[in-house]
N, C-alpha and C. Protein backbone atom coordinates (compact mmCIF):
# COMPACT_ATOMS: atom_id res chain seq x y z
N MET A 1 0.88 -1.47 -0.14
CA MET A 1 0.12 0.31 -0.21
C MET A 1 0.82 1.30 0.15
N SER A 2 0.50 2.35 -0.91
CA SER A 2 1.39 3.20 -0.74
C SER A 2 1.05 4.31 0.26
N LEU A 3 2.35 5.01 0.64
CA LEU A 3 2.25 6.10 1.26
C LEU A 3 1.21 6.56 1.26
N GLU A 4 0.35 7.66 -0.23
CA GLU A 4 -0.30 8.07 -0.86
C GLU A 4 -1.68 7.53 -0.03
N SER A 5 -2.07 6.07 -0.70
CA SER A 5 -3.38 6.26 -0.85
C SER A 5 -3.77 5.44 1.59
N ARG A 6 -2.40 5.52 1.50
CA ARG A 6 -2.68 5.20 3.15
C ARG A 6 -3.54 6.47 3.71
N ILE A 7 -2.42 7.93 3.33
CA ILE A 7 -2.82 8.92 4.17
C ILE A 7 -4.18 9.33 3.64
N MET A 8 -4.94 9.11 2.16
CA MET A 8 -6.03 8.91 1.85
C MET A 8 -7.20 8.42 2.47
N GLU A 9 -6.74 7.10 2.92
CA GLU A 9 -7.53 6.60 3.62
C GLU A 9 -7.61 6.70 5.57
N LEU A 10 -6.40 7.68 5.68
CA LEU A 10 -6.48 8.43 7.22
C LEU A 10 -7.44 9.21 6.45
N GLU A 11 -7.83 10.07 5.81
CA GLU A 11 -8.29 11.54 6.07
C GLU A 11 -10.11 11.30 5.49
N SER A 12 -10.51 9.39 5.41
CA SER A 12 -11.34 9.60 4.46
C SER A 12 -11.56 8.97 6.39
N ARG A 13 -11.14 8.31 6.88
CA ARG A 13 -11.35 7.88 7.93
C ARG A 13 -11.80 8.96 9.12
N LEU A 14 -11.16 9.97 9.33
CA LEU A 14 -10.63 10.87 9.87
C LEU A 14 -12.53 11.65 9.72
N ALA A 15 -12.53 12.39 8.05
CA ALA A 15 -14.09 13.27 8.12
C ALA A 15 -14.79 12.00 8.47
N PHE A 16 -14.43 11.21 8.31
CA PHE A 16 -16.36 10.12 8.86
C PHE A 16 -16.38 10.11 10.71
N GLN A 17 -14.88 10.16 11.36
CA GLN A 17 -15.50 10.42 12.36
C GLN A 17 -15.53 12.02 12.55
N ASP A 18 -15.26 12.90 12.20
CA ASP A 18 -16.30 14.32 12.50
C ASP A 18 -17.00 14.00 12.53
N ASP A 19 -17.82 13.28 11.36
CA ASP A 19 -19.60 13.21 10.78
C ASP A 19 -19.94 12.70 12.42
N THR A 20 -19.40 11.37 12.79
CA THR A 20 -19.85 10.97 13.92
C THR A 20 -19.38 11.72 14.81
N ILE A 21 -19.15 12.68 15.56
CA ILE A 21 -18.99 13.10 16.70
C ILE A 21 -19.77 13.83 16.74
N GLN A 22 -19.78 15.31 15.39
CA GLN A 22 -20.97 16.41 15.49
C GLN A 22 -22.68 15.44 15.80
N ALA A 23 -22.71 14.44 15.01
CA ALA A 23 -23.82 13.85 15.27
C ALA A 23 -24.45 13.17 16.70
N LEU A 24 -23.31 13.01 17.01
CA LEU A 24 -23.57 12.01 18.98
C LEU A 24 -23.57 13.65 19.43
N SER A 25 -22.60 14.59 19.27
CA SER A 25 -22.79 16.28 19.63
C SER A 25 -24.06 16.74 19.74
N ASP A 26 -24.69 16.94 18.71
CA ASP A 26 -26.04 17.39 18.10
C ASP A 26 -27.18 16.10 19.18
N GLU A 27 -27.02 15.26 18.93
CA GLU A 27 -28.10 14.09 19.73
C GLU A 27 -28.14 14.73 21.11
N LEU A 28 -26.68 14.86 21.43
CA LEU A 28 -26.29 15.11 23.01
C LEU A 28 -27.13 16.71 23.51
N VAL A 29 -27.16 17.90 22.72
CA VAL A 29 -28.03 18.62 23.07
C VAL A 29 -29.01 18.79 23.18
N GLU A 30 -30.22 17.76 22.27
CA GLU A 30 -31.31 17.81 21.57
C GLU A 30 -31.34 17.23 23.04
N GLN A 31 -30.87 16.48 24.15
CA GLN A 31 -31.40 15.11 24.69
C GLN A 31 -31.31 16.20 26.29
N ASN A 32 -30.93 17.34 26.75
CA ASN A 32 -30.57 17.63 27.32
C ASN A 32 -31.61 18.81 27.36
N ARG A 33 -31.82 19.61 26.07
CA ARG A 33 -33.59 20.36 25.77
C ARG A 33 -34.02 19.50 26.59
N ARG A 34 -34.52 18.16 26.61
CA ARG A 34 -35.26 17.10 26.02
C ARG A 34 -35.10 17.18 27.76
N ILE A 35 -34.26 16.84 28.56
CA ILE A 35 -34.54 16.61 29.91
C ILE A 35 -34.71 17.88 30.45
N GLU A 36 -34.37 18.78 30.03
CA GLU A 36 -34.90 20.42 30.83
C GLU A 36 -36.15 20.69 30.68
N ARG A 37 -37.05 20.06 30.01
CA ARG A 37 -38.63 20.74 29.39
C ARG A 37 -38.67 19.80 30.09
N MET A 38 -39.10 18.39 30.72
CA MET A 38 -39.04 17.79 30.90
C MET A 38 -39.06 17.99 32.64
N GLN A 39 -38.45 18.44 33.29
CA GLN A 39 -38.08 18.75 34.62
C GLN A 39 -38.93 19.85 34.64
N LEU A 40 -39.37 20.87 33.64
CA LEU A 40 -39.92 21.88 34.78
C LEU A 40 -41.36 20.81 34.24
N GLN A 41 -41.70 20.50 32.98
CA GLN A 41 -43.47 19.95 33.29
C GLN A 41 -42.74 19.67 34.01
N LEU A 42 -42.60 18.60 35.18
CA LEU A 42 -42.97 17.92 36.55
C LEU A 42 -42.50 18.70 37.62
N ALA A 43 -41.59 20.18 37.24
CA ALA A 43 -41.85 21.36 38.40
C ALA A 43 -43.45 21.12 38.42
N ALA A 44 -43.73 22.13 37.11
CA ALA A 44 -45.08 22.64 37.32
C ALA A 44 -46.13 21.60 38.02
N LEU A 45 -46.25 20.03 37.28
CA LEU A 45 -47.56 19.35 38.04
C LEU A 45 -47.23 19.09 39.46
N ALA A 46 -45.94 18.85 40.42
CA ALA A 46 -46.15 19.68 41.10
C ALA A 46 -46.29 20.32 41.89
N ARG A 47 -46.41 21.67 41.36
CA ARG A 47 -46.67 22.63 42.08
C ARG A 47 -48.70 22.43 42.18
N ARG A 48 -48.75 21.97 40.39
CA ARG A 48 -49.98 21.99 40.31
C ARG A 48 -50.81 20.83 41.79
N GLN A 49 -50.02 19.56 42.05
CA GLN A 49 -50.47 18.85 42.73
C GLN A 49 -50.52 19.14 44.10
N GLU A 50 -49.69 20.25 44.65
CA GLU A 50 -49.47 20.69 46.28
C GLU A 50 -51.48 22.27 46.21
N GLU A 51 -51.33 22.39 44.65
CA GLU A 51 -52.34 23.68 45.10
C GLU A 51 -53.40 22.44 45.02
N LEU A 52 -53.99 21.41 44.25
CA LEU A 52 -54.64 21.11 44.44
C LEU A 52 -55.14 19.44 45.82
N ASN A 53 -53.56 19.50 46.31
CA ASN A 53 -53.88 19.34 48.11
C ASN A 53 -54.14 19.94 49.13
N GLY A 54 -53.91 21.64 48.62
CA GLY A 54 -54.33 21.91 49.03
C GLY A 54 -55.43 23.29 49.43
N LEU A 55 -56.34 22.97 47.97
CA LEU A 55 -57.82 22.61 48.00
C LEU A 55 -58.47 21.87 48.48
N ALA A 56 -58.30 20.95 48.14
CA ALA A 56 -59.14 19.15 48.67
C ALA A 56 -58.77 19.38 50.36
N GLY A 57 -57.72 19.95 50.61
CA GLY A 57 -57.64 19.54 52.40
C GLY A 57 -57.35 18.61 52.33
N ILE A 58 -56.72 18.02 52.42
CA ILE A 58 -55.31 16.96 51.86
C ILE A 58 -54.25 18.00 53.07
N ALA A 59 -54.06 16.82 53.91
CA ALA A 59 -52.84 17.93 55.02
C ALA A 59 -52.13 16.09 55.20
N GLU A 60 -50.73 16.85 54.15
CA GLU A 60 -49.97 15.45 54.48
C GLU A 60 -49.55 14.74 55.34
N ASP A 61 -49.54 15.97 56.96
CA ASP A 61 -49.11 14.61 58.12
C ASP A 61 -50.39 14.42 57.91
N GLU A 62 -51.70 14.17 58.00
CA GLU A 62 -53.25 13.89 58.57
C GLU A 62 -52.43 12.12 58.79
N ALA A 63 -52.64 11.17 59.85
CA ALA A 63 -52.36 10.27 59.73
C ALA A 63 -54.06 8.99 59.55
N PRO A 64 -53.90 8.45 58.20
CA PRO A 64 -55.38 7.04 58.63
C PRO A 64 -56.29 7.20 59.44
N PRO A 65 -57.22 6.77 58.73
CA PRO A 65 -58.30 7.02 60.43
C PRO A 65 -58.15 5.44 60.22
N PRO A 66 -58.38 4.86 61.62
CA PRO A 66 -58.06 3.38 62.69
C PRO A 66 -59.01 2.82 61.74
N HIS A 67 -58.64 1.08 61.84
CA HIS A 67 -59.53 0.43 61.80
C HIS A 67 -60.12 -0.25 62.59
N TYR A 68 -61.69 -0.68 62.28
CA TYR A 68 -61.76 -1.33 63.17
C TYR A 68 -62.33 -2.74 63.04
C-alpha cells in the first residue's frame, strides 16, 4: 500500500469520525433540551399537585383513620 493511499484512507476515516462526533454532539444537545423541558413540566405538575392538595384540604401529616 503506497503512502499516498494510506494518507487518503486516514483522511477518509478522520472525516467519517468527525461526522459521527458531530452527530453525537447534536443528539446530546437535543437530549439535554428534552431533559430540561421534562424537569420544568415535572416541577409544574408538582406545584399543581400541591395546589390541588391544598384545595381539597388534604394534609400530608394526617394519619389515616383507625380501622375497626
